[in-house]
Amino acid sequence: WDGLEAVFLAHLSETNNTPEHARRAVDAVLANQNVCRPQLNFGWQDRPSVCLNIDS
């Protein structure tokens, strides 16, 4: 978990796996790991997602 800066949430839908449902699930996992919340990004079905610059 060290260095975790961003998470992409994908496989979202309007009815079953909503962005809010996915966000709550990720928040619960991160809270159990005692990790600061990273930037959450959504992989939308109907529009482009944000671009991240990944430094090596």
PDB file of N, CA and C in Angstrom:
ATOM      1  N   TRP A   1       0.815  -1.192   0.000  1.00  0.00           N
ATOM      2  CA  TRP A   1       0.000   0.000   0.000  1.00  0.00           C
ATOM      3  C   TRP A   1       0.861   1.259   0.000  1.00  0.00           C
ATOM      4  N   ASP A   2       2.134   1.124   0.315  1.00  0.00           N
ATOM      5  CA  ASP A   2       3.008   2.294   0.312  1.00  0.00           C
ATOM      6  C   ASP A   2       3.070   2.898  -1.086  1.00  0.00           C
ATOM      7  N   GLY A   3       2.903   4.194  -1.152  1.00  0.00           N
ATOM      8  CA  GLY A   3       2.984   4.891  -2.425  1.00  0.00           C
ATOM      9  C   GLY A   3       1.705   4.887  -3.234  1.00  0.00           C
ATOM     10  N   LEU A   4       0.636   4.312  -2.696  1.00  0.00           N
ATOM     11  CA  LEU A   4      -0.635   4.298  -3.422  1.00  0.00           C
ATOM     12  C   LEU A   4      -1.148   5.724  -3.559  1.00  0.00           C
ATOM     13  N   GLU A   5      -1.288   6.189  -4.787  1.00  0.00           N
ATOM     14  CA  GLU A   5      -1.724   7.561  -5.030  1.00  0.00           C
ATOM     15  C   GLU A   5      -3.061   7.650  -5.734  1.00  0.00           C
ATOM     16  N   ALA A   6      -3.391   6.652  -6.551  1.00  0.00           N
ATOM     17  CA  ALA A   6      -4.621   6.727  -7.335  1.00  0.00           C
ATOM     18  C   ALA A   6      -5.202   5.334  -7.535  1.00  0.00           C
ATOM     19  N   VAL A   7      -6.530   5.287  -7.627  1.00  0.00           N
ATOM     20  CA  VAL A   7      -7.256   4.051  -7.890  1.00  0.00           C
ATOM     21  C   VAL A   7      -8.279   4.350  -8.973  1.00  0.00           C
ATOM     22  N   PHE A   8      -8.392   3.454  -9.957  1.00  0.00           N
ATOM     23  CA  PHE A   8      -9.435   3.561 -10.971  1.00  0.00           C
ATOM     24  C   PHE A   8     -10.545   2.591 -10.616  1.00  0.00           C
ATOM     25  N   LEU A   9     -11.764   3.089 -10.556  1.00  0.00           N
ATOM     26  CA  LEU A   9     -12.940   2.256 -10.311  1.00  0.00           C
ATOM     27  C   LEU A   9     -13.603   2.016 -11.659  1.00  0.00           C
ATOM     28  N   ALA A  10     -13.746   0.747 -12.026  1.00  0.00           N
ATOM     29  CA  ALA A  10     -14.283   0.399 -13.342  1.00  0.00           C
ATOM     30  C   ALA A  10     -15.443  -0.579 -13.187  1.00  0.00           C
ATOM     31  N   HIS A  11     -15.980  -0.999 -14.299  1.00  0.00           N
ATOM     32  CA  HIS A  11     -17.127  -1.911 -14.340  1.00  0.00           C
ATOM     33  C   HIS A  11     -18.304  -1.317 -13.571  1.00  0.00           C
ATOM     34  N   LEU A  12     -18.538  -0.034 -13.787  1.00  0.00           N
ATOM     35  CA  LEU A  12     -19.635   0.668 -13.126  1.00  0.00           C
ATOM     36  C   LEU A  12     -20.894   0.583 -13.978  1.00  0.00           C
ATOM     37  N   SER A  13     -22.038   0.696 -13.332  1.00  0.00           N
ATOM     38  CA  SER A  13     -23.306   0.723 -14.054  1.00  0.00           C
ATOM     39  C   SER A  13     -24.232   1.717 -13.371  1.00  0.00           C
ATOM     40  N   GLU A  14     -25.317   2.028 -14.044  1.00  0.00           N
ATOM     41  CA  GLU A  14     -26.281   2.977 -13.482  1.00  0.00           C
ATOM     42  C   GLU A  14     -27.173   2.333 -12.429  1.00  0.00           C
ATOM     43  N   THR A  15     -27.264   0.997 -12.421  1.00  0.00           N
ATOM     44  CA  THR A  15     -28.207   0.353 -11.507  1.00  0.00           C
ATOM     45  C   THR A  15     -27.547  -0.544 -10.463  1.00  0.00           C
ATOM     46  N   ASN A  16     -26.579  -1.352 -10.841  1.00  0.00           N
ATOM     47  CA  ASN A  16     -26.040  -2.340  -9.903  1.00  0.00           C
ATOM     48  C   ASN A  16     -24.787  -1.865  -9.188  1.00  0.00           C
ATOM     49  N   ASN A  17     -23.752  -1.583  -9.916  1.00  0.00           N
ATOM     50  CA  ASN A  17     -22.490  -1.154  -9.316  1.00  0.00           C
ATOM     51  C   ASN A  17     -22.296   0.331  -9.606  1.00  0.00           C
ATOM     52  N   THR A  18     -23.017   1.145  -8.885  1.00  0.00           N
ATOM     53  CA  THR A  18     -22.967   2.590  -9.113  1.00  0.00           C
ATOM     54  C   THR A  18     -21.629   3.155  -8.646  1.00  0.00           C
ATOM     55  N   PRO A  19     -21.251   4.326  -9.148  1.00  0.00           N
ATOM     56  CA  PRO A  19     -20.018   4.955  -8.670  1.00  0.00           C
ATOM     57  C   PRO A  19     -20.006   5.129  -7.149  1.00  0.00           C
ATOM     58  N   GLU A  20     -21.132   5.482  -6.568  1.00  0.00           N
ATOM     59  CA  GLU A  20     -21.200   5.664  -5.114  1.00  0.00           C
ATOM     60  C   GLU A  20     -20.980   4.332  -4.390  1.00  0.00           C
ATOM     61  N   HIS A  21     -21.571   3.270  -4.886  1.00  0.00           N
ATOM     62  CA  HIS A  21     -21.385   1.945  -4.283  1.00  0.00           C
ATOM     63  C   HIS A  21     -19.916   1.532  -4.366  1.00  0.00           C
ATOM     64  N   ALA A  22     -19.299   1.734  -5.507  1.00  0.00           N
ATOM     65  CA  ALA A  22     -17.885   1.385  -5.685  1.00  0.00           C
ATOM     66  C   ALA A  22     -16.995   2.224  -4.769  1.00  0.00           C
ATOM     67  N   ARG A  23     -17.302   3.504  -4.645  1.00  0.00           N
ATOM     68  CA  ARG A  23     -16.507   4.383  -3.783  1.00  0.00           C
ATOM     69  C   ARG A  23     -16.577   3.926  -2.331  1.00  0.00           C
ATOM     70  N   ARG A  24     -17.777   3.586  -1.866  1.00  0.00           N
ATOM     71  CA  ARG A  24     -17.933   3.110  -0.487  1.00  0.00           C
ATOM     72  C   ARG A  24     -17.154   1.819  -0.250  1.00  0.00           C
ATOM     73  N   ALA A  25     -17.176   0.922  -1.221  1.00  0.00           N
ATOM     74  CA  ALA A  25     -16.448  -0.340  -1.084  1.00  0.00           C
ATOM     75  C   ALA A  25     -14.944  -0.095  -0.981  1.00  0.00           C
ATOM     76  N   VAL A  26     -14.422   0.789  -1.815  1.00  0.00           N
ATOM     77  CA  VAL A  26     -12.986   1.098  -1.773  1.00  0.00           C
ATOM     78  C   VAL A  26     -12.639   1.794  -0.467  1.00  0.00           C
ATOM     79  N   ASP A  27     -13.463   2.726  -0.033  1.00  0.00           N
ATOM     80  CA  ASP A  27     -13.211   3.411   1.242  1.00  0.00           C
ATOM     81  C   ASP A  27     -13.130   2.414   2.394  1.00  0.00           C
ATOM     82  N   ALA A  28     -14.002   1.399   2.393  1.00  0.00           N
ATOM     83  CA  ALA A  28     -14.001   0.399   3.464  1.00  0.00           C
ATOM     84  C   ALA A  28     -12.710  -0.418   3.448  1.00  0.00           C
ATOM     85  N   VAL A  29     -12.257  -0.813   2.279  1.00  0.00           N
ATOM     86  CA  VAL A  29     -11.009  -1.583   2.182  1.00  0.00           C
ATOM     87  C   VAL A  29      -9.836  -0.745   2.654  1.00  0.00           C
ATOM     88  N   LEU A  30      -9.768   0.500   2.201  1.00  0.00           N
ATOM     89  CA  LEU A  30      -8.648   1.358   2.578  1.00  0.00           C
ATOM     90  C   LEU A  30      -8.658   1.668   4.072  1.00  0.00           C
ATOM     91  N   ALA A  31      -9.836   1.830   4.656  1.00  0.00           N
ATOM     92  CA  ALA A  31      -9.923   2.098   6.092  1.00  0.00           C
ATOM     93  C   ALA A  31      -9.392   0.907   6.888  1.00  0.00           C
ATOM     94  N   ASN A  32      -9.683  -0.306   6.425  1.00  0.00           N
ATOM     95  CA  ASN A  32      -9.187  -1.507   7.105  1.00  0.00           C
ATOM     96  C   ASN A  32      -7.677  -1.658   6.984  1.00  0.00           C
ATOM     97  N   GLN A  33      -7.091  -1.048   5.978  1.00  0.00           N
ATOM     98  CA  GLN A  33      -5.643  -1.114   5.778  1.00  0.00           C
ATOM     99  C   GLN A  33      -4.927   0.069   6.421  1.00  0.00           C
ATOM    100  N   ASN A  34      -5.694   0.983   7.015  1.00  0.00           N
ATOM    101  CA  ASN A  34      -5.134   2.183   7.633  1.00  0.00           C
ATOM    102  C   ASN A  34      -4.297   2.983   6.629  1.00  0.00           C
ATOM    103  N   VAL A  35      -4.894   3.197   5.447  1.00  0.00           N
ATOM    104  CA  VAL A  35      -4.230   3.903   4.354  1.00  0.00           C
ATOM    105  C   VAL A  35      -4.949   5.218   4.111  1.00  0.00           C
ATOM    106  N   CYS A  36      -4.190   6.261   3.845  1.00  0.00           N
ATOM    107  CA  CYS A  36      -4.804   7.530   3.458  1.00  0.00           C
ATOM    108  C   CYS A  36      -5.518   7.335   2.129  1.00  0.00           C
ATOM    109  N   ARG A  37      -6.633   8.008   1.973  1.00  0.00           N
ATOM    110  CA  ARG A  37      -7.438   7.831   0.769  1.00  0.00           C
ATOM    111  C   ARG A  37      -6.708   8.399  -0.445  1.00  0.00           C
ATOM    112  N   PRO A  38      -6.480   7.569  -1.468  1.00  0.00           N
ATOM    113  CA  PRO A  38      -5.846   8.052  -2.691  1.00  0.00           C
ATOM    114  C   PRO A  38      -6.864   8.766  -3.577  1.00  0.00           C
ATOM    115  N   GLN A  39      -6.389   9.320  -4.652  1.00  0.00           N
ATOM    116  CA  GLN A  39      -7.279   9.919  -5.649  1.00  0.00           C
ATOM    117  C   GLN A  39      -8.111   8.795  -6.261  1.00  0.00           C
ATOM    118  N   LEU A  40      -9.433   8.940  -6.249  1.00  0.00           N
ATOM    119  CA  LEU A  40     -10.312   7.945  -6.860  1.00  0.00           C
ATOM    120  C   LEU A  40     -10.754   8.450  -8.220  1.00  0.00           C
ATOM    121  N   ASN A  41     -10.609   7.603  -9.218  1.00  0.00           N
ATOM    122  CA  ASN A  41     -10.985   7.935 -10.586  1.00  0.00           C
ATOM    123  C   ASN A  41     -11.985   6.902 -11.071  1.00  0.00           C
ATOM    124  N   PHE A  42     -12.901   7.334 -11.900  1.00  0.00           N
ATOM    125  CA  PHE A  42     -13.941   6.442 -12.394  1.00  0.00           C
ATOM    126  C   PHE A  42     -13.733   6.155 -13.873  1.00  0.00           C
ATOM    127  N   GLY A  43     -13.870   4.889 -14.242  1.00  0.00           N
ATOM    128  CA  GLY A  43     -13.842   4.485 -15.642  1.00  0.00           C
ATOM    129  C   GLY A  43     -15.260   4.495 -16.176  1.00  0.00           C
ATOM    130  N   TRP A  44     -15.648   5.619 -16.753  1.00  0.00           N
ATOM    131  CA  TRP A  44     -17.024   5.810 -17.222  1.00  0.00           C
ATOM    132  C   TRP A  44     -17.283   5.038 -18.507  1.00  0.00           C
ATOM    133  N   GLN A  45     -18.535   4.643 -18.721  1.00  0.00           N
ATOM    134  CA  GLN A  45     -18.927   3.955 -19.950  1.00  0.00           C
ATOM    135  C   GLN A  45     -19.207   4.935 -21.078  1.00  0.00           C
ATOM    136  N   ASP A  46     -19.620   6.144 -20.734  1.00  0.00           N
ATOM    137  CA  ASP A  46     -20.110   7.072 -21.753  1.00  0.00           C
ATOM    138  C   ASP A  46     -19.224   8.290 -21.979  1.00  0.00           C
ATOM    139  N   ARG A  47     -18.050   8.337 -21.350  1.00  0.00           N
ATOM    140  CA  ARG A  47     -17.152   9.477 -21.541  1.00  0.00           C
ATOM    141  C   ARG A  47     -15.739   9.082 -21.114  1.00  0.00           C
ATOM    142  N   PRO A  48     -14.763   9.826 -21.585  1.00  0.00           N
ATOM    143  CA  PRO A  48     -13.382   9.493 -21.227  1.00  0.00           C
ATOM    144  C   PRO A  48     -13.126   9.704 -19.735  1.00  0.00           C
ATOM    145  N   SER A  49     -12.228   8.928 -19.212  1.00  0.00           N
ATOM    146  CA  SER A  49     -11.801   9.122 -17.826  1.00  0.00           C
ATOM    147  C   SER A  49     -10.603  10.059 -17.806  1.00  0.00           C
ATOM    148  N   VAL A  50     -10.164  10.389 -16.619  1.00  0.00           N
ATOM    149  CA  VAL A  50      -8.996  11.258 -16.487  1.00  0.00           C
ATOM    150  C   VAL A  50      -7.748  10.491 -16.914  1.00  0.00           C
ATOM    151  N   CYS A  51      -6.728  11.225 -17.267  1.00  0.00           N
ATOM    152  CA  CYS A  51      -5.428  10.636 -17.591  1.00  0.00           C
ATOM    153  C   CYS A  51      -4.505  10.832 -16.405  1.00  0.00           C
ATOM    154  N   LEU A  52      -3.748   9.819 -16.101  1.00  0.00           N
ATOM    155  CA  LEU A  52      -2.777   9.901 -15.021  1.00  0.00           C
ATOM    156  C   LEU A  52      -1.378   9.778 -15.595  1.00  0.00           C
ATOM    157  N   ASN A  53      -0.469  10.556 -15.059  1.00  0.00           N
ATOM    158  CA  ASN A  53       0.931  10.456 -15.419  1.00  0.00           C
ATOM    159  C   ASN A  53       1.590   9.509 -14.420  1.00  0.00           C
ATOM    160  N   ILE A  54       2.083   8.398 -14.908  1.00  0.00           N
ATOM    161  CA  ILE A  54       2.700   7.406 -14.033  1.00  0.00           C
ATOM    162  C   ILE A  54       4.207   7.535 -14.167  1.00  0.00           C
ATOM    163  N   ASP A  55       4.840   7.974 -13.095  1.00  0.00           N
ATOM    164  CA  ASP A  55       6.293   8.108 -13.081  1.00  0.00           C
ATOM    165  C   ASP A  55       6.913   6.781 -12.685  1.00  0.00           C
ATOM    166  N   SER A  56       7.979   6.433 -13.362  1.00  0.00           N
ATOM    167  CA  SER A  56       8.652   5.169 -13.022  1.00  0.00           C
ATOM    168  C   SER A  56       9.799   5.409 -12.077  1.00  0.00           C
TER     169      SER A  56
END
